[in-house]
Protein backbone atom coordinates (compact mmCIF):
# COMPACT_ATOMS: atom_id res chain seq x y z
CA UNK A 1 0.00 0.00 0.00
CA UNK A 2 1.30 3.39 -1.00
CA UNK A 3 1.01 5.78 2.01
CA UNK A 4 0.30 8.61 -0.47
CA UNK A 5 -3.13 7.06 -1.12
CA UNK A 6 -4.20 7.75 2.46
CA UNK A 7 -5.81 10.99 1.31
CA UNK A 8 -8.98 11.17 3.44
CA UNK A 9 -9.42 12.15 7.08
CA UNK A 10 -11.56 9.89 9.27
CA UNK A 11 -12.37 9.83 12.97
CA UNK A 12 -12.55 6.56 14.83
CA UNK A 13 -15.07 6.84 17.65
CA UNK A 14 -15.86 4.64 20.61
CA UNK A 15 -18.88 4.25 22.85
CA UNK A 16 -18.27 5.16 26.48
CA UNK A 17 -20.18 5.73 29.67
CA UNK A 18 -19.92 9.18 31.23
CA UNK A 19 -21.02 10.57 34.54
CA UNK A 20 -23.01 13.81 34.19
CA UNK A 21 -23.33 16.70 36.67
CA UNK A 22 -26.07 14.89 38.58
CA UNK A 23 -23.93 11.79 39.08
CA UNK A 24 -25.95 9.74 36.60
CA UNK A 25 -24.24 7.40 34.18
CA UNK A 26 -25.04 8.14 30.55
CA UNK A 27 -23.77 6.63 27.31
CA UNK A 28 -22.08 8.73 24.66
CA UNK A 29 -19.43 8.69 21.98
CA UNK A 30 -15.82 9.78 22.28
CA UNK A 31 -13.22 10.32 19.60
CA UNK A 32 -10.62 7.54 19.81
CA UNK A 33 -8.28 8.71 17.05
CA UNK A 34 -8.27 10.90 13.95
CA UNK A 35 -6.27 9.29 11.14
CA UNK A 36 -5.59 9.46 7.41
CA UNK A 37 -7.24 6.75 5.31
CA UNK A 38 -8.05 5.43 1.87
CA UNK A 39 -11.85 5.05 1.67
CA UNK A 40 -13.48 3.05 -1.13
CA UNK A 41 -17.09 2.10 -1.53
CA UNK A 42 -17.54 -1.51 -2.55
CA UNK A 43 -19.66 -2.05 -5.65
CA UNK A 44 -22.88 -3.92 -5.15
CA UNK A 45 -24.21 -6.69 -7.35
CA UNK A 46 -27.17 -6.02 -9.62
CA UNK A 47 -29.43 -8.09 -7.37
CA UNK A 48 -28.50 -5.99 -4.33
CA UNK A 49 -28.96 -2.75 -6.27
CA UNK A 50 -32.52 -3.74 -7.20
CA UNK A 51 -33.51 -4.32 -3.59
CA UNK A 52 -34.53 -1.34 -1.48
CA UNK A 53 -31.58 -1.88 0.85
CA UNK A 54 -30.05 1.48 1.82
CA UNK A 55 -26.81 -0.08 2.93
CA UNK A 56 -23.41 0.79 1.45
CA UNK A 57 -20.26 -1.23 2.11
CA UNK A 58 -16.89 0.48 2.45
CA UNK A 59 -13.30 -0.69 2.59
CA UNK A 60 -11.16 1.65 4.68
CA UNK A 61 -7.37 1.28 4.74
CA UNK A 62 -5.39 2.95 7.54
CA UNK A 63 -1.98 2.63 9.12
CA UNK A 64 -1.82 -0.01 11.83
CA UNK A 65 -3.52 0.84 15.14
CA UNK A 66 -3.12 -1.48 18.09
CA UNK A 67 -6.33 -0.98 20.09
CA UNK A 68 -9.02 -0.78 17.39
CA UNK A 69 -11.94 -3.25 17.51
CA UNK A 70 -15.34 -3.93 15.96
CA UNK A 71 -17.27 -2.14 18.72
CA UNK A 72 -15.98 1.18 17.36
CA UNK A 73 -17.35 3.26 14.47
CA UNK A 74 -15.87 5.49 11.78
CA UNK A 75 -17.04 9.03 11.06
CA UNK A 76 -16.41 9.88 7.40
CA UNK A 77 -17.84 12.98 5.70
CA UNK A 78 -20.71 13.18 8.19
CA UNK A 79 -21.57 9.48 7.81
CA UNK A 80 -21.30 6.96 10.59
CA UNK A 81 -19.82 3.68 9.37
CA UNK A 82 -20.22 0.59 11.55
CA UNK A 83 -17.07 -1.57 11.62
CA UNK A 84 -17.78 -5.15 10.58
CA UNK A 85 -14.31 -6.65 10.19
CA UNK A 86 -10.67 -5.62 10.71
CA UNK A 87 -7.90 -7.28 8.70
CA UNK A 88 -4.19 -6.88 9.45
CA UNK A 89 -2.83 -6.91 5.89
CA UNK A 90 -0.24 -9.70 5.51
CA UNK A 91 0.09 -9.80 9.34
CA UNK A 92 2.84 -7.15 9.04
CA UNK A 93 1.38 -4.61 11.51
CA UNK A 94 1.75 -1.86 8.89
CA UNK A 95 -1.77 -1.36 7.51
CA UNK A 96 -5.29 -2.36 8.51
CA UNK A 97 -8.11 -2.96 6.08
CA UNK A 98 -11.46 -2.26 7.73
CA UNK A 99 -14.75 -3.48 6.29
CA UNK A 100 -17.50 -1.05 7.30
CA UNK A 101 -21.20 -0.54 6.57
CA UNK A 102 -23.20 2.67 6.24
CA UNK A 103 -26.90 2.19 6.89
CA UNK A 104 -28.57 5.28 5.51
PDB file of N, CA and C in Angstrom:
ATOM      1  N   UNK A   1       0.850  -1.185   0.000  1.00  0.00           N
ATOM      2  CA  UNK A   1       0.000   0.000   0.000  1.00  0.00           C
ATOM      3  C   UNK A   1       0.884   1.232   0.000  1.00  0.00           C
ATOM      4  N   UNK A   2       0.585   2.129  -0.900  1.00  0.00           N
ATOM      5  CA  UNK A   2       1.305   3.389  -0.996  1.00  0.00           C
ATOM      6  C   UNK A   2       0.726   4.372   0.036  1.00  0.00           C
ATOM      7  N   UNK A   3       1.529   4.855   0.999  1.00  0.00           N
ATOM      8  CA  UNK A   3       1.008   5.785   2.006  1.00  0.00           C
ATOM      9  C   UNK A   3       0.443   7.072   1.410  1.00  0.00           C
ATOM     10  N   UNK A   4       0.824   7.414   0.183  1.00  0.00           N
ATOM     11  CA  UNK A   4       0.297   8.608  -0.470  1.00  0.00           C
ATOM     12  C   UNK A   4      -1.180   8.484  -0.826  1.00  0.00           C
ATOM     13  N   UNK A   5      -1.712   7.266  -0.825  1.00  0.00           N
ATOM     14  CA  UNK A   5      -3.128   7.060  -1.125  1.00  0.00           C
ATOM     15  C   UNK A   5      -4.021   7.271   0.095  1.00  0.00           C
ATOM     16  N   UNK A   6      -3.427   7.475   1.255  1.00  0.00           N
ATOM     17  CA  UNK A   6      -4.203   7.747   2.463  1.00  0.00           C
ATOM     18  C   UNK A   6      -4.567   9.224   2.454  1.00  0.00           C
ATOM     19  N   UNK A   7      -5.524   9.588   1.593  1.00  0.00           N
ATOM     20  CA  UNK A   7      -5.810  10.990   1.311  1.00  0.00           C
ATOM     21  C   UNK A   7      -7.110  11.501   1.929  1.00  0.00           C
ATOM     22  N   UNK A   8      -7.744  10.734   2.773  1.00  0.00           N
ATOM     23  CA  UNK A   8      -8.981  11.167   3.437  1.00  0.00           C
ATOM     24  C   UNK A   8      -8.748  11.214   4.939  1.00  0.00           C
ATOM     25  N   UNK A   9      -9.501  12.056   5.616  1.00  0.00           N
ATOM     26  CA  UNK A   9      -9.420  12.147   7.078  1.00  0.00           C
ATOM     27  C   UNK A   9     -10.661  11.480   7.669  1.00  0.00           C
ATOM     28  N   UNK A  10     -10.445  10.547   8.580  1.00  0.00           N
ATOM     29  CA  UNK A  10     -11.557   9.893   9.272  1.00  0.00           C
ATOM     30  C   UNK A  10     -11.346  10.003  10.772  1.00  0.00           C
ATOM     31  N   UNK A  11     -12.425   9.878  11.520  1.00  0.00           N
ATOM     32  CA  UNK A  11     -12.366   9.831  12.972  1.00  0.00           C
ATOM     33  C   UNK A  11     -12.875   8.471  13.413  1.00  0.00           C
ATOM     34  N   UNK A  12     -12.109   7.811  14.248  1.00  0.00           N
ATOM     35  CA  UNK A  12     -12.553   6.557  14.830  1.00  0.00           C
ATOM     36  C   UNK A  12     -13.141   6.901  16.186  1.00  0.00           C
ATOM     37  N   UNK A  13     -14.386   6.492  16.404  1.00  0.00           N
ATOM     38  CA  UNK A  13     -15.071   6.842  17.649  1.00  0.00           C
ATOM     39  C   UNK A  13     -15.419   5.576  18.423  1.00  0.00           C
ATOM     40  N   UNK A  14     -15.530   5.739  19.726  1.00  0.00           N
ATOM     41  CA  UNK A  14     -15.856   4.636  20.607  1.00  0.00           C
ATOM     42  C   UNK A  14     -17.031   5.012  21.492  1.00  0.00           C
ATOM     43  N   UNK A  15     -17.757   4.026  21.949  1.00  0.00           N
ATOM     44  CA  UNK A  15     -18.883   4.254  22.853  1.00  0.00           C
ATOM     45  C   UNK A  15     -18.365   4.160  24.281  1.00  0.00           C
ATOM     46  N   UNK A  16     -18.713   5.153  25.097  1.00  0.00           N
ATOM     47  CA  UNK A  16     -18.271   5.156  26.484  1.00  0.00           C
ATOM     48  C   UNK A  16     -19.394   5.597  27.392  1.00  0.00           C
ATOM     49  N   UNK A  17     -19.239   5.275  28.663  1.00  0.00           N
ATOM     50  CA  UNK A  17     -20.185   5.731  29.667  1.00  0.00           C
ATOM     51  C   UNK A  17     -19.564   6.913  30.401  1.00  0.00           C
ATOM     52  N   UNK A  18     -20.364   7.972  30.554  1.00  0.00           N
ATOM     53  CA  UNK A  18     -19.917   9.183  31.226  1.00  0.00           C
ATOM     54  C   UNK A  18     -20.786   9.431  32.443  1.00  0.00           C
ATOM     55  N   UNK A  19     -20.232  10.162  33.392  1.00  0.00           N
ATOM     56  CA  UNK A  19     -21.023  10.575  34.536  1.00  0.00           C
ATOM     57  C   UNK A  19     -21.329  12.056  34.373  1.00  0.00           C
ATOM     58  N   UNK A  20     -22.627  12.415  34.381  1.00  0.00           N
ATOM     59  CA  UNK A  20     -23.009  13.811  34.191  1.00  0.00           C
ATOM     60  C   UNK A  20     -22.969  14.571  35.516  1.00  0.00           C
ATOM     61  N   UNK A  21     -23.404  15.835  35.488  1.00  0.00           N
ATOM     62  CA  UNK A  21     -23.332  16.698  36.669  1.00  0.00           C
ATOM     63  C   UNK A  21     -24.157  16.169  37.838  1.00  0.00           C
ATOM     64  N   UNK A  22     -25.199  15.419  37.543  1.00  0.00           N
ATOM     65  CA  UNK A  22     -26.074  14.887  38.584  1.00  0.00           C
ATOM     66  C   UNK A  22     -25.587  13.546  39.129  1.00  0.00           C
ATOM     67  N   UNK A  23     -24.470  13.057  38.625  1.00  0.00           N
ATOM     68  CA  UNK A  23     -23.930  11.786  39.078  1.00  0.00           C
ATOM     69  C   UNK A  23     -24.535  10.591  38.382  1.00  0.00           C
ATOM     70  N   UNK A  24     -25.328  10.828  37.343  1.00  0.00           N
ATOM     71  CA  UNK A  24     -25.950   9.743  36.602  1.00  0.00           C
ATOM     72  C   UNK A  24     -25.006   9.256  35.508  1.00  0.00           C
ATOM     73  N   UNK A  25     -25.060   7.982  35.241  1.00  0.00           N
ATOM     74  CA  UNK A  25     -24.238   7.403  34.184  1.00  0.00           C
ATOM     75  C   UNK A  25     -25.011   7.445  32.875  1.00  0.00           C
ATOM     76  N   UNK A  26     -24.412   8.065  31.865  1.00  0.00           N
ATOM     77  CA  UNK A  26     -25.037   8.144  30.552  1.00  0.00           C
ATOM     78  C   UNK A  26     -24.059   7.617  29.502  1.00  0.00           C
ATOM     79  N   UNK A  27     -24.605   7.133  28.404  1.00  0.00           N
ATOM     80  CA  UNK A  27     -23.774   6.633  27.311  1.00  0.00           C
ATOM     81  C   UNK A  27     -23.565   7.734  26.285  1.00  0.00           C
ATOM     82  N   UNK A  28     -22.389   7.752  25.691  1.00  0.00           N
ATOM     83  CA  UNK A  28     -22.080   8.730  24.658  1.00  0.00           C
ATOM     84  C   UNK A  28     -20.942   8.224  23.789  1.00  0.00           C
ATOM     85  N   UNK A  29     -20.538   9.066  22.854  1.00  0.00           N
ATOM     86  CA  UNK A  29     -19.430   8.686  21.982  1.00  0.00           C
ATOM     87  C   UNK A  29     -18.237   9.590  22.271  1.00  0.00           C
ATOM     88  N   UNK A  30     -17.061   9.048  22.054  1.00  0.00           N
ATOM     89  CA  UNK A  30     -15.818   9.778  22.282  1.00  0.00           C
ATOM     90  C   UNK A  30     -14.883   9.491  21.115  1.00  0.00           C
ATOM     91  N   UNK A  31     -14.174  10.507  20.684  1.00  0.00           N
ATOM     92  CA  UNK A  31     -13.223  10.323  19.599  1.00  0.00           C
ATOM     93  C   UNK A  31     -12.036   9.511  20.106  1.00  0.00           C
ATOM     94  N   UNK A  32     -11.750   8.404  19.435  1.00  0.00           N
ATOM     95  CA  UNK A  32     -10.623   7.544  19.806  1.00  0.00           C
ATOM     96  C   UNK A  32      -9.353   8.022  19.121  1.00  0.00           C
ATOM     97  N   UNK A  33      -9.445   8.286  17.819  1.00  0.00           N
ATOM     98  CA  UNK A  33      -8.279   8.706  17.049  1.00  0.00           C
ATOM     99  C   UNK A  33      -8.737   9.306  15.734  1.00  0.00           C
ATOM    100  N   UNK A  34      -8.042  10.321  15.264  1.00  0.00           N
ATOM    101  CA  UNK A  34      -8.273  10.905  13.954  1.00  0.00           C
ATOM    102  C   UNK A  34      -7.081  10.517  13.083  1.00  0.00           C
ATOM    103  N   UNK A  35      -7.348   9.838  11.963  1.00  0.00           N
ATOM    104  CA  UNK A  35      -6.269   9.294  11.138  1.00  0.00           C
ATOM    105  C   UNK A  35      -6.528   9.562   9.654  1.00  0.00           C
ATOM    106  N   UNK A  36      -5.487   9.379   8.865  1.00  0.00           N
ATOM    107  CA  UNK A  36      -5.586   9.457   7.411  1.00  0.00           C
ATOM    108  C   UNK A  36      -5.948   8.070   6.882  1.00  0.00           C
ATOM    109  N   UNK A  37      -6.752   8.030   5.816  1.00  0.00           N
ATOM    110  CA  UNK A  37      -7.237   6.749   5.312  1.00  0.00           C
ATOM    111  C   UNK A  37      -7.492   6.794   3.819  1.00  0.00           C
ATOM    112  N   UNK A  38      -7.584   5.618   3.232  1.00  0.00           N
ATOM    113  CA  UNK A  38      -8.052   5.434   1.869  1.00  0.00           C
ATOM    114  C   UNK A  38      -9.437   4.812   1.997  1.00  0.00           C
ATOM    115  N   UNK A  39     -10.469   5.507   1.525  1.00  0.00           N
ATOM    116  CA  UNK A  39     -11.849   5.053   1.674  1.00  0.00           C
ATOM    117  C   UNK A  39     -12.405   4.731   0.293  1.00  0.00           C
ATOM    118  N   UNK A  40     -12.892   3.488   0.136  1.00  0.00           N
ATOM    119  CA  UNK A  40     -13.476   3.048  -1.135  1.00  0.00           C
ATOM    120  C   UNK A  40     -14.829   2.424  -0.852  1.00  0.00           C
ATOM    121  N   UNK A  41     -15.808   2.790  -1.649  1.00  0.00           N
ATOM    122  CA  UNK A  41     -17.094   2.095  -1.535  1.00  0.00           C
ATOM    123  C   UNK A  41     -17.011   0.837  -2.382  1.00  0.00           C
ATOM    124  N   UNK A  42     -17.584  -0.222  -1.882  1.00  0.00           N
ATOM    125  CA  UNK A  42     -17.540  -1.514  -2.552  1.00  0.00           C
ATOM    126  C   UNK A  42     -18.767  -1.607  -3.452  1.00  0.00           C
ATOM    127  N   UNK A  43     -18.543  -1.965  -4.711  1.00  0.00           N
ATOM    128  CA  UNK A  43     -19.665  -2.046  -5.651  1.00  0.00           C
ATOM    129  C   UNK A  43     -20.598  -3.174  -5.256  1.00  0.00           C
ATOM    130  N   UNK A  44     -21.869  -2.935  -5.488  1.00  0.00           N
ATOM    131  CA  UNK A  44     -22.883  -3.925  -5.153  1.00  0.00           C
ATOM    132  C   UNK A  44     -23.275  -4.699  -6.403  1.00  0.00           C
ATOM    133  N   UNK A  45     -23.750  -5.892  -6.203  1.00  0.00           N
ATOM    134  CA  UNK A  45     -24.209  -6.686  -7.351  1.00  0.00           C
ATOM    135  C   UNK A  45     -25.538  -6.115  -7.842  1.00  0.00           C
ATOM    136  N   UNK A  46     -25.926  -6.509  -9.032  1.00  0.00           N
ATOM    137  CA  UNK A  46     -27.173  -6.023  -9.619  1.00  0.00           C
ATOM    138  C   UNK A  46     -28.375  -6.413  -8.756  1.00  0.00           C
ATOM    139  N   UNK A  47     -28.327  -7.613  -8.208  1.00  0.00           N
ATOM    140  CA  UNK A  47     -29.426  -8.088  -7.373  1.00  0.00           C
ATOM    141  C   UNK A  47     -29.575  -7.215  -6.121  1.00  0.00           C
ATOM    142  N   UNK A  48     -28.454  -6.853  -5.499  1.00  0.00           N
ATOM    143  CA  UNK A  48     -28.499  -5.994  -4.327  1.00  0.00           C
ATOM    144  C   UNK A  48     -28.969  -4.592  -4.691  1.00  0.00           C
ATOM    145  N   UNK A  49     -28.577  -4.104  -5.857  1.00  0.00           N
ATOM    146  CA  UNK A  49     -28.959  -2.755  -6.273  1.00  0.00           C
ATOM    147  C   UNK A  49     -30.459  -2.658  -6.507  1.00  0.00           C
ATOM    148  N   UNK A  50     -31.088  -3.747  -6.961  1.00  0.00           N
ATOM    149  CA  UNK A  50     -32.525  -3.740  -7.203  1.00  0.00           C
ATOM    150  C   UNK A  50     -33.329  -3.716  -5.910  1.00  0.00           C
ATOM    151  N   UNK A  51     -32.783  -4.310  -4.854  1.00  0.00           N
ATOM    152  CA  UNK A  51     -33.512  -4.316  -3.586  1.00  0.00           C
ATOM    153  C   UNK A  51     -33.495  -2.912  -2.980  1.00  0.00           C
ATOM    154  N   UNK A  52     -34.413  -2.658  -2.104  1.00  0.00           N
ATOM    155  CA  UNK A  52     -34.530  -1.335  -1.484  1.00  0.00           C
ATOM    156  C   UNK A  52     -33.629  -1.218  -0.255  1.00  0.00           C
ATOM    157  N   UNK A  53     -32.515  -1.882  -0.268  1.00  0.00           N
ATOM    158  CA  UNK A  53     -31.580  -1.883   0.851  1.00  0.00           C
ATOM    159  C   UNK A  53     -30.716  -0.618   0.787  1.00  0.00           C
ATOM    160  N   UNK A  54     -30.832   0.234   1.789  1.00  0.00           N
ATOM    161  CA  UNK A  54     -30.051   1.480   1.818  1.00  0.00           C
ATOM    162  C   UNK A  54     -28.761   1.280   2.600  1.00  0.00           C
ATOM    163  N   UNK A  55     -28.034   0.250   2.237  1.00  0.00           N
ATOM    164  CA  UNK A  55     -26.805  -0.084   2.933  1.00  0.00           C
ATOM    165  C   UNK A  55     -25.651  -0.017   1.944  1.00  0.00           C
ATOM    166  N   UNK A  56     -24.586   0.682   2.311  1.00  0.00           N
ATOM    167  CA  UNK A  56     -23.414   0.794   1.452  1.00  0.00           C
ATOM    168  C   UNK A  56     -22.217   0.223   2.191  1.00  0.00           C
ATOM    169  N   UNK A  57     -21.458  -0.626   1.528  1.00  0.00           N
ATOM    170  CA  UNK A  57     -20.265  -1.227   2.111  1.00  0.00           C
ATOM    171  C   UNK A  57     -19.036  -0.417   1.720  1.00  0.00           C
ATOM    172  N   UNK A  58     -18.128  -0.263   2.674  1.00  0.00           N
ATOM    173  CA  UNK A  58     -16.893   0.479   2.448  1.00  0.00           C
ATOM    174  C   UNK A  58     -15.698  -0.362   2.865  1.00  0.00           C
ATOM    175  N   UNK A  59     -14.588  -0.149   2.179  1.00  0.00           N
ATOM    176  CA  UNK A  59     -13.305  -0.691   2.591  1.00  0.00           C
ATOM    177  C   UNK A  59     -12.429   0.508   2.939  1.00  0.00           C
ATOM    178  N   UNK A  60     -11.958   0.538   4.172  1.00  0.00           N
ATOM    179  CA  UNK A  60     -11.161   1.654   4.678  1.00  0.00           C
ATOM    180  C   UNK A  60      -9.783   1.116   5.033  1.00  0.00           C
ATOM    181  N   UNK A  61      -8.737   1.695   4.453  1.00  0.00           N
ATOM    182  CA  UNK A  61      -7.369   1.278   4.740  1.00  0.00           C
ATOM    183  C   UNK A  61      -6.688   2.384   5.537  1.00  0.00           C
ATOM    184  N   UNK A  62      -6.103   1.992   6.675  1.00  0.00           N
ATOM    185  CA  UNK A  62      -5.392   2.947   7.538  1.00  0.00           C
ATOM    186  C   UNK A  62      -4.061   2.332   7.961  1.00  0.00           C
ATOM    187  N   UNK A  63      -3.197   3.173   8.522  1.00  0.00           N
ATOM    188  CA  UNK A  63      -1.979   2.634   9.122  1.00  0.00           C
ATOM    189  C   UNK A  63      -2.369   1.818  10.352  1.00  0.00           C
ATOM    190  N   UNK A  64      -1.522   0.906  10.736  1.00  0.00           N
ATOM    191  CA  UNK A  64      -1.817  -0.013  11.828  1.00  0.00           C
ATOM    192  C   UNK A  64      -2.087   0.731  13.135  1.00  0.00           C
ATOM    193  N   UNK A  65      -3.174   0.356  13.799  1.00  0.00           N
ATOM    194  CA  UNK A  65      -3.515   0.845  15.137  1.00  0.00           C
ATOM    195  C   UNK A  65      -3.688  -0.368  16.033  1.00  0.00           C
ATOM    196  N   UNK A  66      -3.124  -0.329  17.208  1.00  0.00           N
ATOM    197  CA  UNK A  66      -3.119  -1.483  18.093  1.00  0.00           C
ATOM    198  C   UNK A  66      -4.476  -1.773  18.731  1.00  0.00           C
ATOM    199  N   UNK A  67      -5.163  -0.768  19.233  1.00  0.00           N
ATOM    200  CA  UNK A  67      -6.334  -0.983  20.086  1.00  0.00           C
ATOM    201  C   UNK A  67      -7.675  -0.800  19.388  1.00  0.00           C
ATOM    202  N   UNK A  68      -7.756  -0.955  18.095  1.00  0.00           N
ATOM    203  CA  UNK A  68      -9.019  -0.782  17.390  1.00  0.00           C
ATOM    204  C   UNK A  68      -9.785  -2.113  17.387  1.00  0.00           C
ATOM    205  N   UNK A  69     -11.125  -2.036  17.534  1.00  0.00           N
ATOM    206  CA  UNK A  69     -11.936  -3.250  17.507  1.00  0.00           C
ATOM    207  C   UNK A  69     -13.281  -2.980  16.840  1.00  0.00           C
ATOM    208  N   UNK A  70     -14.093  -4.027  16.713  1.00  0.00           N
ATOM    209  CA  UNK A  70     -15.345  -3.932  15.965  1.00  0.00           C
ATOM    210  C   UNK A  70     -16.469  -3.247  16.735  1.00  0.00           C
ATOM    211  N   UNK A  71     -16.252  -2.882  17.988  1.00  0.00           N
ATOM    212  CA  UNK A  71     -17.273  -2.140  18.723  1.00  0.00           C
ATOM    213  C   UNK A  71     -17.215  -0.650  18.404  1.00  0.00           C
ATOM    214  N   UNK A  72     -16.170  -0.224  17.715  1.00  0.00           N
ATOM    215  CA  UNK A  72     -15.980   1.179  17.364  1.00  0.00           C
ATOM    216  C   UNK A  72     -16.667   1.498  16.034  1.00  0.00           C
ATOM    217  N   UNK A  73     -16.759   2.790  15.729  1.00  0.00           N
ATOM    218  CA  UNK A  73     -17.352   3.264  14.474  1.00  0.00           C
ATOM    219  C   UNK A  73     -16.393   4.235  13.807  1.00  0.00           C
ATOM    220  N   UNK A  74     -16.674   4.527  12.549  1.00  0.00           N
ATOM    221  CA  UNK A  74     -15.874   5.486  11.782  1.00  0.00           C
ATOM    222  C   UNK A  74     -16.775   6.627  11.351  1.00  0.00           C
ATOM    223  N   UNK A  75     -16.338   7.859  11.571  1.00  0.00           N
ATOM    224  CA  UNK A  75     -17.039   9.030  11.057  1.00  0.00           C
ATOM    225  C   UNK A  75     -16.288   9.496   9.813  1.00  0.00           C
ATOM    226  N   UNK A  76     -17.004   9.496   8.673  1.00  0.00           N
ATOM    227  CA  UNK A  76     -16.408   9.884   7.402  1.00  0.00           C
ATOM    228  C   UNK A  76     -17.395  10.767   6.652  1.00  0.00           C
ATOM    229  N   UNK A  77     -17.022  12.006   6.426  1.00  0.00           N
ATOM    230  CA  UNK A  77     -17.844  12.983   5.702  1.00  0.00           C
ATOM    231  C   UNK A  77     -19.269  13.040   6.252  1.00  0.00           C
ATOM    232  N   UNK A  78     -19.404  13.066   7.558  1.00  0.00           N
ATOM    233  CA  UNK A  78     -20.707  13.176   8.195  1.00  0.00           C
ATOM    234  C   UNK A  78     -21.493  11.879   8.254  1.00  0.00           C
ATOM    235  N   UNK A  79     -20.921  10.791   7.776  1.00  0.00           N
ATOM    236  CA  UNK A  79     -21.574   9.483   7.810  1.00  0.00           C
ATOM    237  C   UNK A  79     -20.948   8.626   8.900  1.00  0.00           C
ATOM    238  N   UNK A  80     -21.780   7.871   9.545  1.00  0.00           N
ATOM    239  CA  UNK A  80     -21.298   6.962  10.590  1.00  0.00           C
ATOM    240  C   UNK A  80     -21.242   5.549  10.023  1.00  0.00           C
ATOM    241  N   UNK A  81     -20.030   5.010   9.923  1.00  0.00           N
ATOM    242  CA  UNK A  81     -19.815   3.681   9.365  1.00  0.00           C
ATOM    243  C   UNK A  81     -19.583   2.695  10.508  1.00  0.00           C
ATOM    244  N   UNK A  82     -20.360   1.634  10.528  1.00  0.00           N
ATOM    245  CA  UNK A  82     -20.217   0.593  11.547  1.00  0.00           C
ATOM    246  C   UNK A  82     -19.129  -0.379  11.094  1.00  0.00           C
ATOM    247  N   UNK A  83     -18.156  -0.648  11.956  1.00  0.00           N
ATOM    248  CA  UNK A  83     -17.065  -1.567  11.624  1.00  0.00           C
ATOM    249  C   UNK A  83     -17.563  -2.999  11.721  1.00  0.00           C
ATOM    250  N   UNK A  84     -17.352  -3.758  10.638  1.00  0.00           N
ATOM    251  CA  UNK A  84     -17.780  -5.148  10.582  1.00  0.00           C
ATOM    252  C   UNK A  84     -16.595  -6.088  10.785  1.00  0.00           C
ATOM    253  N   UNK A  85     -15.471  -5.767  10.149  1.00  0.00           N
ATOM    254  CA  UNK A  85     -14.308  -6.651  10.190  1.00  0.00           C
ATOM    255  C   UNK A  85     -13.031  -5.832  10.078  1.00  0.00           C
ATOM    256  N   UNK A  86     -11.977  -6.280  10.758  1.00  0.00           N
ATOM    257  CA  UNK A  86     -10.668  -5.620  10.708  1.00  0.00           C
ATOM    258  C   UNK A  86      -9.641  -6.667  10.285  1.00  0.00           C
ATOM    259  N   UNK A  87      -8.899  -6.347   9.221  1.00  0.00           N
ATOM    260  CA  UNK A  87      -7.903  -7.280   8.695  1.00  0.00           C
ATOM    261  C   UNK A  87      -6.526  -6.631   8.767  1.00  0.00           C
ATOM    262  N   UNK A  88      -5.586  -7.316   9.413  1.00  0.00           N
ATOM    263  CA  UNK A  88      -4.195  -6.876   9.449  1.00  0.00           C
ATOM    264  C   UNK A  88      -3.546  -7.391   8.168  1.00  0.00           C
ATOM    265  N   UNK A  89      -3.302  -6.509   7.216  1.00  0.00           N
ATOM    266  CA  UNK A  89      -2.827  -6.910   5.890  1.00  0.00           C
ATOM    267  C   UNK A  89      -1.483  -7.619   6.004  1.00  0.00           C
ATOM    268  N   UNK A  90      -1.434  -8.849   5.518  1.00  0.00           N
ATOM    269  CA  UNK A  90      -0.239  -9.703   5.510  1.00  0.00           C
ATOM    270  C   UNK A  90       0.368  -9.906   6.897  1.00  0.00           C
ATOM    271  N   UNK A  91      -0.384  -9.642   7.953  1.00  0.00           N
ATOM    272  CA  UNK A  91       0.093  -9.795   9.339  1.00  0.00           C
ATOM    273  C   UNK A  91       1.416  -9.064   9.582  1.00  0.00           C
ATOM    274  N   UNK A  92       1.597  -7.912   8.925  1.00  0.00           N
ATOM    275  CA  UNK A  92       2.837  -7.145   9.036  1.00  0.00           C
ATOM    276  C   UNK A  92       2.766  -6.003  10.036  1.00  0.00           C
ATOM    277  N   UNK A  93       1.581  -5.734  10.588  1.00  0.00           N
ATOM    278  CA  UNK A  93       1.375  -4.608  11.508  1.00  0.00           C
ATOM    279  C   UNK A  93       1.773  -3.269  10.885  1.00  0.00           C
ATOM    280  N   UNK A  94       1.492  -3.118   9.590  1.00  0.00           N
ATOM    281  CA  UNK A  94       1.752  -1.860   8.893  1.00  0.00           C
ATOM    282  C   UNK A  94       0.456  -1.172   8.506  1.00  0.00           C
ATOM    283  N   UNK A  95      -0.495  -1.920   7.945  1.00  0.00           N
ATOM    284  CA  UNK A  95      -1.768  -1.364   7.508  1.00  0.00           C
ATOM    285  C   UNK A  95      -2.910  -2.263   7.964  1.00  0.00           C
ATOM    286  N   UNK A  96      -4.062  -1.632   8.202  1.00  0.00           N
ATOM    287  CA  UNK A  96      -5.293  -2.360   8.514  1.00  0.00           C
ATOM    288  C   UNK A  96      -6.293  -2.096   7.421  1.00  0.00           C
ATOM    289  N   UNK A  97      -7.011  -3.120   7.034  1.00  0.00           N
ATOM    290  CA  UNK A  97      -8.114  -2.961   6.084  1.00  0.00           C
ATOM    291  C   UNK A  97      -9.391  -3.216   6.869  1.00  0.00           C
ATOM    292  N   UNK A  98     -10.250  -2.211   6.927  1.00  0.00           N
ATOM    293  CA  UNK A  98     -11.462  -2.257   7.728  1.00  0.00           C
ATOM    294  C   UNK A  98     -12.666  -2.354   6.797  1.00  0.00           C
ATOM    295  N   UNK A  99     -13.499  -3.361   7.011  1.00  0.00           N
ATOM    296  CA  UNK A  99     -14.750  -3.482   6.292  1.00  0.00           C
ATOM    297  C   UNK A  99     -15.806  -2.798   7.142  1.00  0.00           C
ATOM    298  N   UNK A 100     -16.505  -1.824   6.553  1.00  0.00           N
ATOM    299  CA  UNK A 100     -17.496  -1.052   7.302  1.00  0.00           C
ATOM    300  C   UNK A 100     -18.778  -0.916   6.484  1.00  0.00           C
ATOM    301  N   UNK A 101     -19.881  -0.646   7.191  1.00  0.00           N
ATOM    302  CA  UNK A 101     -21.198  -0.543   6.571  1.00  0.00           C
ATOM    303  C   UNK A 101     -21.841   0.774   6.979  1.00  0.00           C
ATOM    304  N   UNK A 102     -22.402   1.469   5.988  1.00  0.00           N
ATOM    305  CA  UNK A 102     -23.200   2.673   6.245  1.00  0.00           C
ATOM    306  C   UNK A 102     -24.654   2.315   5.999  1.00  0.00           C
ATOM    307  N   UNK A 103     -25.467   2.497   7.020  1.00  0.00           N
ATOM    308  CA  UNK A 103     -26.899   2.194   6.894  1.00  0.00           C
ATOM    309  C   UNK A 103     -27.651   3.510   6.867  1.00  0.00           C
ATOM    310  N   UNK A 104     -27.972   3.970   5.662  1.00  0.00           N
ATOM    311  CA  UNK A 104     -28.570   5.275   5.509  1.00  0.00           C
ATOM    312  C   UNK A 104     -30.017   5.337   5.441  1.00  0.00           C
TER     313      UNK A 104
END
